[in-house]
Amino acid sequence: MFYAVLVDLGDAVADEVGVPFDSISLEMLHRGMYHFGVAYDKGKATDPVSYFAAPENQDLRVVKIRKKEAPLDLSPFPRPCLTFFSSS
């Protein structure tokens, strides 16, 4: 039941931020619920969707960061990734 609510919340956050659903980290959304609870208790937040979508809360990393992949070298003699030097 909790997972279904978490997925629904993740979908709402993805719509609010404007990214695909698979760009939302459900784990970080779950961990961020603690921070939302603290902000709610202090009266600083009332809506979890707007809380997680707010620019000042992007440090919670609810939206996954895509790493740039190195281009694949398909040449017959690819350059070595490491440079070896003689020890003498």
PDB file of N, CA and C in Angstrom:
ATOM      1  N   MET A   1       0.828  -1.183   0.000  1.00  0.00           N
ATOM      2  CA  MET A   1       0.000   0.000   0.000  1.00  0.00           C
ATOM      3  C   MET A   1       0.887   1.268   0.000  1.00  0.00           C
ATOM      4  N   PHE A   2       1.922   1.264   0.856  1.00  0.00           N
ATOM      5  CA  PHE A   2       2.799   2.424   0.932  1.00  0.00           C
ATOM      6  C   PHE A   2       3.502   2.661  -0.400  1.00  0.00           C
ATOM      7  N   TYR A   3       3.930   1.577  -1.053  1.00  0.00           N
ATOM      8  CA  TYR A   3       4.619   1.709  -2.334  1.00  0.00           C
ATOM      9  C   TYR A   3       3.702   2.354  -3.375  1.00  0.00           C
ATOM     10  N   ALA A   4       2.430   1.999  -3.370  1.00  0.00           N
ATOM     11  CA  ALA A   4       1.486   2.591  -4.322  1.00  0.00           C
ATOM     12  C   ALA A   4       1.345   4.088  -4.087  1.00  0.00           C
ATOM     13  N   VAL A   5       1.296   4.495  -2.824  1.00  0.00           N
ATOM     14  CA  VAL A   5       1.214   5.925  -2.495  1.00  0.00           C
ATOM     15  C   VAL A   5       2.500   6.635  -2.899  1.00  0.00           C
ATOM     16  N   LEU A   6       3.642   5.970  -2.686  1.00  0.00           N
ATOM     17  CA  LEU A   6       4.932   6.551  -3.045  1.00  0.00           C
ATOM     18  C   LEU A   6       5.047   6.727  -4.565  1.00  0.00           C
ATOM     19  N   VAL A   7       4.583   5.750  -5.325  1.00  0.00           N
ATOM     20  CA  VAL A   7       4.614   5.848  -6.787  1.00  0.00           C
ATOM     21  C   VAL A   7       3.697   6.977  -7.253  1.00  0.00           C
ATOM     22  N   ASP A   8       2.527   7.097  -6.636  1.00  0.00           N
ATOM     23  CA  ASP A   8       1.597   8.172  -7.001  1.00  0.00           C
ATOM     24  C   ASP A   8       2.207   9.544  -6.687  1.00  0.00           C
ATOM     25  N   LEU A   9       2.864   9.662  -5.545  1.00  0.00           N
ATOM     26  CA  LEU A   9       3.542  10.910  -5.197  1.00  0.00           C
ATOM     27  C   LEU A   9       4.677  11.199  -6.169  1.00  0.00           C
ATOM     28  N   GLY A  10       5.449  10.172  -6.534  1.00  0.00           N
ATOM     29  CA  GLY A  10       6.527  10.352  -7.498  1.00  0.00           C
ATOM     30  C   GLY A  10       6.013  10.791  -8.857  1.00  0.00           C
ATOM     31  N   ASP A  11       4.878  10.260  -9.267  1.00  0.00           N
ATOM     32  CA  ASP A  11       4.271  10.654 -10.536  1.00  0.00           C
ATOM     33  C   ASP A  11       3.826  12.111 -10.491  1.00  0.00           C
ATOM     34  N   ALA A  12       3.257  12.524  -9.361  1.00  0.00           N
ATOM     35  CA  ALA A  12       2.820  13.921  -9.221  1.00  0.00           C
ATOM     36  C   ALA A  12       4.011  14.875  -9.217  1.00  0.00           C
ATOM     37  N   VAL A  13       5.095  14.484  -8.567  1.00  0.00           N
ATOM     38  CA  VAL A  13       6.301  15.324  -8.547  1.00  0.00           C
ATOM     39  C   VAL A  13       6.903  15.404  -9.951  1.00  0.00           C
ATOM     40  N   ALA A  14       6.915  14.283 -10.678  1.00  0.00           N
ATOM     41  CA  ALA A  14       7.441  14.286 -12.044  1.00  0.00           C
ATOM     42  C   ALA A  14       6.628  15.221 -12.929  1.00  0.00           C
ATOM     43  N   ASP A  15       5.307  15.214 -12.778  1.00  0.00           N
ATOM     44  CA  ASP A  15       4.463  16.122 -13.559  1.00  0.00           C
ATOM     45  C   ASP A  15       4.738  17.576 -13.192  1.00  0.00           C
ATOM     46  N   GLU A  16       4.927  17.845 -11.906  1.00  0.00           N
ATOM     47  CA  GLU A  16       5.168  19.217 -11.444  1.00  0.00           C
ATOM     48  C   GLU A  16       6.508  19.750 -11.951  1.00  0.00           C
ATOM     49  N   VAL A  17       7.532  18.891 -11.920  1.00  0.00           N
ATOM     50  CA  VAL A  17       8.868  19.315 -12.343  1.00  0.00           C
ATOM     51  C   VAL A  17       8.984  19.301 -13.870  1.00  0.00           C
ATOM     52  N   GLY A  18       8.209  18.450 -14.528  1.00  0.00           N
ATOM     53  CA  GLY A  18       8.253  18.368 -15.979  1.00  0.00           C
ATOM     54  C   GLY A  18       9.280  17.384 -16.504  1.00  0.00           C
ATOM     55  N   VAL A  19       9.484  16.294 -15.777  1.00  0.00           N
ATOM     56  CA  VAL A  19      10.412  15.250 -16.204  1.00  0.00           C
ATOM     57  C   VAL A  19       9.654  13.930 -16.296  1.00  0.00           C
ATOM     58  N   PRO A  20      10.192  12.942 -17.019  1.00  0.00           N
ATOM     59  CA  PRO A  20       9.535  11.633 -17.052  1.00  0.00           C
ATOM     60  C   PRO A  20       9.576  10.962 -15.681  1.00  0.00           C
ATOM     61  N   PHE A  21       8.628  10.056 -15.453  1.00  0.00           N
ATOM     62  CA  PHE A  21       8.531   9.397 -14.151  1.00  0.00           C
ATOM     63  C   PHE A  21       9.795   8.624 -13.798  1.00  0.00           C
ATOM     64  N   ASP A  22      10.456   8.015 -14.780  1.00  0.00           N
ATOM     65  CA  ASP A  22      11.651   7.230 -14.470  1.00  0.00           C
ATOM     66  C   ASP A  22      12.846   8.096 -14.078  1.00  0.00           C
ATOM     67  N   SER A  23      12.703   9.417 -14.129  1.00  0.00           N
ATOM     68  CA  SER A  23      13.750  10.319 -13.646  1.00  0.00           C
ATOM     69  C   SER A  23      13.596  10.637 -12.163  1.00  0.00           C
ATOM     70  N   ILE A  24      12.557  10.108 -11.536  1.00  0.00           N
ATOM     71  CA  ILE A  24      12.304  10.343 -10.113  1.00  0.00           C
ATOM     72  C   ILE A  24      12.845   9.163  -9.321  1.00  0.00           C
ATOM     73  N   SER A  25      13.625   9.446  -8.290  1.00  0.00           N
ATOM     74  CA  SER A  25      14.154   8.416  -7.410  1.00  0.00           C
ATOM     75  C   SER A  25      13.164   8.191  -6.274  1.00  0.00           C
ATOM     76  N   LEU A  26      12.529   7.026  -6.290  1.00  0.00           N
ATOM     77  CA  LEU A  26      11.559   6.725  -5.237  1.00  0.00           C
ATOM     78  C   LEU A  26      12.249   6.555  -3.887  1.00  0.00           C
ATOM     79  N   GLU A  27      13.480   6.076  -3.902  1.00  0.00           N
ATOM     80  CA  GLU A  27      14.230   5.944  -2.651  1.00  0.00           C
ATOM     81  C   GLU A  27      14.477   7.310  -2.010  1.00  0.00           C
ATOM     82  N   MET A  28      14.919   8.269  -2.827  1.00  0.00           N
ATOM     83  CA  MET A  28      15.186   9.596  -2.281  1.00  0.00           C
ATOM     84  C   MET A  28      13.888  10.314  -1.921  1.00  0.00           C
ATOM     85  N   LEU A  29      12.824  10.008  -2.619  1.00  0.00           N
ATOM     86  CA  LEU A  29      11.518  10.558  -2.264  1.00  0.00           C
ATOM     87  C   LEU A  29      11.092  10.029  -0.899  1.00  0.00           C
ATOM     88  N   HIS A  30      11.324   8.741  -0.680  1.00  0.00           N
ATOM     89  CA  HIS A  30      11.002   8.140   0.623  1.00  0.00           C
ATOM     90  C   HIS A  30      11.852   8.757   1.736  1.00  0.00           C
ATOM     91  N   ARG A  31      13.134   8.928   1.466  1.00  0.00           N
ATOM     92  CA  ARG A  31      14.016   9.539   2.471  1.00  0.00           C
ATOM     93  C   ARG A  31      13.653  11.004   2.717  1.00  0.00           C
ATOM     94  N   GLY A  32      13.202  11.680   1.677  1.00  0.00           N
ATOM     95  CA  GLY A  32      12.836  13.083   1.813  1.00  0.00           C
ATOM     96  C   GLY A  32      11.544  13.309   2.587  1.00  0.00           C
ATOM     97  N   MET A  33      10.766  12.250   2.780  1.00  0.00           N
ATOM     98  CA  MET A  33       9.526  12.396   3.546  1.00  0.00           C
ATOM     99  C   MET A  33       9.809  12.845   4.981  1.00  0.00           C
ATOM    100  N   TYR A  34      10.951  12.450   5.522  1.00  0.00           N
ATOM    101  CA  TYR A  34      11.335  12.925   6.857  1.00  0.00           C
ATOM    102  C   TYR A  34      11.491  14.441   6.847  1.00  0.00           C
ATOM    103  N   HIS A  35      12.182  14.964   5.841  1.00  0.00           N
ATOM    104  CA  HIS A  35      12.416  16.404   5.750  1.00  0.00           C
ATOM    105  C   HIS A  35      11.103  17.154   5.543  1.00  0.00           C
ATOM    106  N   PHE A  36      10.207  16.557   4.753  1.00  0.00           N
ATOM    107  CA  PHE A  36       8.899  17.176   4.587  1.00  0.00           C
ATOM    108  C   PHE A  36       8.142  17.193   5.908  1.00  0.00           C
ATOM    109  N   GLY A  37       8.227  16.108   6.675  1.00  0.00           N
ATOM    110  CA  GLY A  37       7.554  16.052   7.975  1.00  0.00           C
ATOM    111  C   GLY A  37       8.053  17.122   8.934  1.00  0.00           C
ATOM    112  N   VAL A  38       9.354  17.345   8.940  1.00  0.00           N
ATOM    113  CA  VAL A  38       9.929  18.389   9.797  1.00  0.00           C
ATOM    114  C   VAL A  38       9.455  19.765   9.334  1.00  0.00           C
ATOM    115  N   ALA A  39       9.470  19.995   8.023  1.00  0.00           N
ATOM    116  CA  ALA A  39       9.015  21.286   7.497  1.00  0.00           C
ATOM    117  C   ALA A  39       7.524  21.477   7.760  1.00  0.00           C
ATOM    118  N   TYR A  40       6.756  20.407   7.687  1.00  0.00           N
ATOM    119  CA  TYR A  40       5.321  20.482   7.966  1.00  0.00           C
ATOM    120  C   TYR A  40       5.070  20.846   9.430  1.00  0.00           C
ATOM    121  N   ASP A  41       5.833  20.223  10.332  1.00  0.00           N
ATOM    122  CA  ASP A  41       5.689  20.521  11.759  1.00  0.00           C
ATOM    123  C   ASP A  41       6.055  21.965  12.089  1.00  0.00           C
ATOM    124  N   LYS A  42       7.012  22.521  11.348  1.00  0.00           N
ATOM    125  CA  LYS A  42       7.417  23.907  11.576  1.00  0.00           C
ATOM    126  C   LYS A  42       6.510  24.905  10.865  1.00  0.00           C
ATOM    127  N   GLY A  43       5.557  24.400  10.062  1.00  0.00           N
ATOM    128  CA  GLY A  43       4.644  25.270   9.335  1.00  0.00           C
ATOM    129  C   GLY A  43       5.228  25.846   8.060  1.00  0.00           C
ATOM    130  N   LYS A  44       6.338  25.266   7.574  1.00  0.00           N
ATOM    131  CA  LYS A  44       6.990  25.777   6.371  1.00  0.00           C
ATOM    132  C   LYS A  44       6.498  25.087   5.103  1.00  0.00           C
ATOM    133  N   ALA A  45       5.786  23.975   5.227  1.00  0.00           N
ATOM    134  CA  ALA A  45       5.306  23.245   4.053  1.00  0.00           C
ATOM    135  C   ALA A  45       3.958  22.614   4.374  1.00  0.00           C
ATOM    136  N   THR A  46       3.113  22.571   3.361  1.00  0.00           N
ATOM    137  CA  THR A  46       1.804  21.920   3.540  1.00  0.00           C
ATOM    138  C   THR A  46       1.538  20.876   2.461  1.00  0.00           C
ATOM    139  N   ASP A  47       2.152  21.013   1.292  1.00  0.00           N
ATOM    140  CA  ASP A  47       1.914  20.111   0.170  1.00  0.00           C
ATOM    141  C   ASP A  47       3.206  19.399  -0.193  1.00  0.00           C
ATOM    142  N   PRO A  48       3.245  18.050  -0.129  1.00  0.00           N
ATOM    143  CA  PRO A  48       4.501  17.349  -0.436  1.00  0.00           C
ATOM    144  C   PRO A  48       4.939  17.490  -1.892  1.00  0.00           C
ATOM    145  N   VAL A  49       3.992  17.600  -2.815  1.00  0.00           N
ATOM    146  CA  VAL A  49       4.358  17.718  -4.228  1.00  0.00           C
ATOM    147  C   VAL A  49       5.095  19.034  -4.473  1.00  0.00           C
ATOM    148  N   SER A  50       4.545  20.125  -3.985  1.00  0.00           N
ATOM    149  CA  SER A  50       5.214  21.417  -4.184  1.00  0.00           C
ATOM    150  C   SER A  50       6.500  21.505  -3.370  1.00  0.00           C
ATOM    151  N   TYR A  51       6.566  20.802  -2.246  1.00  0.00           N
ATOM    152  CA  TYR A  51       7.785  20.800  -1.435  1.00  0.00           C
ATOM    153  C   TYR A  51       8.933  20.139  -2.191  1.00  0.00           C
ATOM    154  N   PHE A  52       8.682  18.963  -2.780  1.00  0.00           N
ATOM    155  CA  PHE A  52       9.742  18.246  -3.485  1.00  0.00           C
ATOM    156  C   PHE A  52      10.071  18.880  -4.832  1.00  0.00           C
ATOM    157  N   ALA A  53       9.139  19.624  -5.410  1.00  0.00           N
ATOM    158  CA  ALA A  53       9.378  20.270  -6.704  1.00  0.00           C
ATOM    159  C   ALA A  53      10.030  21.639  -6.563  1.00  0.00           C
ATOM    160  N   ALA A  54      10.076  22.184  -5.350  1.00  0.00           N
ATOM    161  CA  ALA A  54      10.622  23.522  -5.140  1.00  0.00           C
ATOM    162  C   ALA A  54      12.124  23.548  -5.428  1.00  0.00           C
ATOM    163  N   PRO A  55      12.598  24.612  -6.079  1.00  0.00           N
ATOM    164  CA  PRO A  55      14.035  24.700  -6.405  1.00  0.00           C
ATOM    165  C   PRO A  55      14.945  24.676  -5.177  1.00  0.00           C
ATOM    166  N   GLU A  56      14.490  25.219  -4.066  1.00  0.00           N
ATOM    167  CA  GLU A  56      15.346  25.242  -2.877  1.00  0.00           C
ATOM    168  C   GLU A  56      15.500  23.864  -2.231  1.00  0.00           C
ATOM    169  N   ASN A  57      14.704  22.886  -2.656  1.00  0.00           N
ATOM    170  CA  ASN A  57      14.794  21.537  -2.100  1.00  0.00           C
ATOM    171  C   ASN A  57      15.396  20.541  -3.085  1.00  0.00           C
ATOM    172  N   GLN A  58      16.080  21.022  -4.102  1.00  0.00           N
ATOM    173  CA  GLN A  58      16.683  20.122  -5.081  1.00  0.00           C
ATOM    174  C   GLN A  58      17.867  19.358  -4.491  1.00  0.00           C
ATOM    175  N   ASP A  59      18.368  19.789  -3.329  1.00  0.00           N
ATOM    176  CA  ASP A  59      19.452  19.055  -2.694  1.00  0.00           C
ATOM    177  C   ASP A  59      18.986  17.721  -2.128  1.00  0.00           C
ATOM    178  N   LEU A  60      17.675  17.476  -2.098  1.00  0.00           N
ATOM    179  CA  LEU A  60      17.154  16.175  -1.665  1.00  0.00           C
ATOM    180  C   LEU A  60      17.344  15.104  -2.737  1.00  0.00           C
ATOM    181  N   ARG A  61      17.697  15.526  -3.953  1.00  0.00           N
ATOM    182  CA  ARG A  61      18.009  14.637  -5.080  1.00  0.00           C
ATOM    183  C   ARG A  61      16.861  13.699  -5.432  1.00  0.00           C
ATOM    184  N   VAL A  62      15.636  14.225  -5.396  1.00  0.00           N
ATOM    185  CA  VAL A  62      14.476  13.436  -5.804  1.00  0.00           C
ATOM    186  C   VAL A  62      14.526  13.195  -7.306  1.00  0.00           C
ATOM    187  N   VAL A  63      14.996  14.184  -8.070  1.00  0.00           N
ATOM    188  CA  VAL A  63      15.176  14.014  -9.513  1.00  0.00           C
ATOM    189  C   VAL A  63      16.577  13.455  -9.729  1.00  0.00           C
ATOM    190  N   LYS A  64      16.649  12.327 -10.425  1.00  0.00           N
ATOM    191  CA  LYS A  64      17.932  11.662 -10.652  1.00  0.00           C
ATOM    192  C   LYS A  64      18.835  12.528 -11.522  1.00  0.00           C
ATOM    193  N   ILE A  65      20.125  12.473 -11.248  1.00  0.00           N
ATOM    194  CA  ILE A  65      21.123  13.178 -12.042  1.00  0.00           C
ATOM    195  C   ILE A  65      21.664  12.191 -13.065  1.00  0.00           C
ATOM    196  N   ARG A  66      21.519  12.529 -14.319  1.00  0.00           N
ATOM    197  CA  ARG A  66      22.013  11.666 -15.392  1.00  0.00           C
ATOM    198  C   ARG A  66      23.480  11.967 -15.641  1.00  0.00           C
ATOM    199  N   LYS A  67      24.292  10.930 -15.592  1.00  0.00           N
ATOM    200  CA  LYS A  67      25.714  11.086 -15.868  1.00  0.00           C
ATOM    201  C   LYS A  67      25.936  11.018 -17.369  1.00  0.00           C
ATOM    202  N   LYS A  68      26.855  11.834 -17.840  1.00  0.00           N
ATOM    203  CA  LYS A  68      27.205  11.790 -19.254  1.00  0.00           C
ATOM    204  C   LYS A  68      28.059  10.554 -19.499  1.00  0.00           C
ATOM    205  N   GLU A  69      27.648   9.783 -20.471  1.00  0.00           N
ATOM    206  CA  GLU A  69      28.410   8.597 -20.808  1.00  0.00           C
ATOM    207  C   GLU A  69      29.489   8.958 -21.810  1.00  0.00           C
ATOM    208  N   ALA A  70      30.650   8.338 -21.652  1.00  0.00           N
ATOM    209  CA  ALA A  70      31.740   8.561 -22.591  1.00  0.00           C
ATOM    210  C   ALA A  70      31.353   7.950 -23.930  1.00  0.00           C
ATOM    211  N   PRO A  71      31.696   8.610 -25.024  1.00  0.00           N
ATOM    212  CA  PRO A  71      31.351   8.043 -26.329  1.00  0.00           C
ATOM    213  C   PRO A  71      32.077   6.718 -26.547  1.00  0.00           C
ATOM    214  N   LEU A  72      31.392   5.784 -27.144  1.00  0.00           N
ATOM    215  CA  LEU A  72      31.950   4.469 -27.403  1.00  0.00           C
ATOM    216  C   LEU A  72      32.902   4.537 -28.591  1.00  0.00           C
ATOM    217  N   ASP A  73      34.133   4.086 -28.390  1.00  0.00           N
ATOM    218  CA  ASP A  73      35.151   4.110 -29.431  1.00  0.00           C
ATOM    219  C   ASP A  73      35.098   2.784 -30.188  1.00  0.00           C
ATOM    220  N   LEU A  74      34.591   2.814 -31.420  1.00  0.00           N
ATOM    221  CA  LEU A  74      34.450   1.601 -32.223  1.00  0.00           C
ATOM    222  C   LEU A  74      35.549   1.452 -33.263  1.00  0.00           C
ATOM    223  N   SER A  75      36.629   2.198 -33.114  1.00  0.00           N
ATOM    224  CA  SER A  75      37.722   2.098 -34.073  1.00  0.00           C
ATOM    225  C   SER A  75      38.441   0.758 -33.898  1.00  0.00           C
ATOM    226  N   PRO A  76      39.110   0.265 -34.940  1.00  0.00           N
ATOM    227  CA  PRO A  76      39.772  -1.044 -34.834  1.00  0.00           C
ATOM    228  C   PRO A  76      40.919  -1.050 -33.823  1.00  0.00           C
ATOM    229  N   PHE A  77      41.533   0.095 -33.582  1.00  0.00           N
ATOM    230  CA  PHE A  77      42.621   0.189 -32.609  1.00  0.00           C
ATOM    231  C   PHE A  77      42.292   1.308 -31.623  1.00  0.00           C
ATOM    232  N   PRO A  78      41.431   1.030 -30.644  1.00  0.00           N
ATOM    233  CA  PRO A  78      41.035   2.095 -29.718  1.00  0.00           C
ATOM    234  C   PRO A  78      42.207   2.553 -28.863  1.00  0.00           C
ATOM    235  N   ARG A  79      42.142   3.813 -28.511  1.00  0.00           N
ATOM    236  CA  ARG A  79      43.188   4.373 -27.653  1.00  0.00           C
ATOM    237  C   ARG A  79      43.053   3.770 -26.256  1.00  0.00           C
ATOM    238  N   PRO A  80      44.158   3.485 -25.620  1.00  0.00           N
ATOM    239  CA  PRO A  80      44.070   2.962 -24.252  1.00  0.00           C
ATOM    240  C   PRO A  80      43.582   4.054 -23.299  1.00  0.00           C
ATOM    241  N   CYS A  81      42.808   3.640 -22.344  1.00  0.00           N
ATOM    242  CA  CYS A  81      42.273   4.590 -21.369  1.00  0.00           C
ATOM    243  C   CYS A  81      43.338   5.015 -20.372  1.00  0.00           C
ATOM    244  N   LEU A  82      44.280   4.142 -20.116  1.00  0.00           N
ATOM    245  CA  LEU A  82      45.327   4.438 -19.141  1.00  0.00           C
ATOM    246  C   LEU A  82      46.650   4.666 -19.862  1.00  0.00           C
ATOM    247  N   THR A  83      47.438   5.532 -19.325  1.00  0.00           N
ATOM    248  CA  THR A  83      48.767   5.771 -19.873  1.00  0.00           C
ATOM    249  C   THR A  83      49.776   5.195 -18.897  1.00  0.00           C
ATOM    250  N   PHE A  84      50.621   4.300 -19.376  1.00  0.00           N
ATOM    251  CA  PHE A  84      51.614   3.666 -18.522  1.00  0.00           C
ATOM    252  C   PHE A  84      52.970   4.277 -18.797  1.00  0.00           C
ATOM    253  N   PHE A  85      53.705   4.529 -17.744  1.00  0.00           N
ATOM    254  CA  PHE A  85      55.064   5.048 -17.834  1.00  0.00           C
ATOM    255  C   PHE A  85      56.010   4.030 -17.235  1.00  0.00           C
ATOM    256  N   SER A  86      57.218   4.004 -17.763  1.00  0.00           N
ATOM    257  CA  SER A  86      58.219   3.092 -17.198  1.00  0.00           C
ATOM    258  C   SER A  86      58.631   3.590 -15.825  1.00  0.00           C
ATOM    259  N   SER A  87      58.970   2.675 -14.968  1.00  0.00           N
ATOM    260  CA  SER A  87      59.318   3.035 -13.603  1.00  0.00           C
ATOM    261  C   SER A  87      60.785   3.389 -13.438  1.00  0.00           C
ATOM    262  N   SER A  88      61.540   3.374 -14.527  1.00  0.00           N
ATOM    263  CA  SER A  88      62.977   3.678 -14.403  1.00  0.00           C
ATOM    264  C   SER A  88      63.282   5.139 -14.528  1.00  0.00           C
TER     265      SER A  88
END
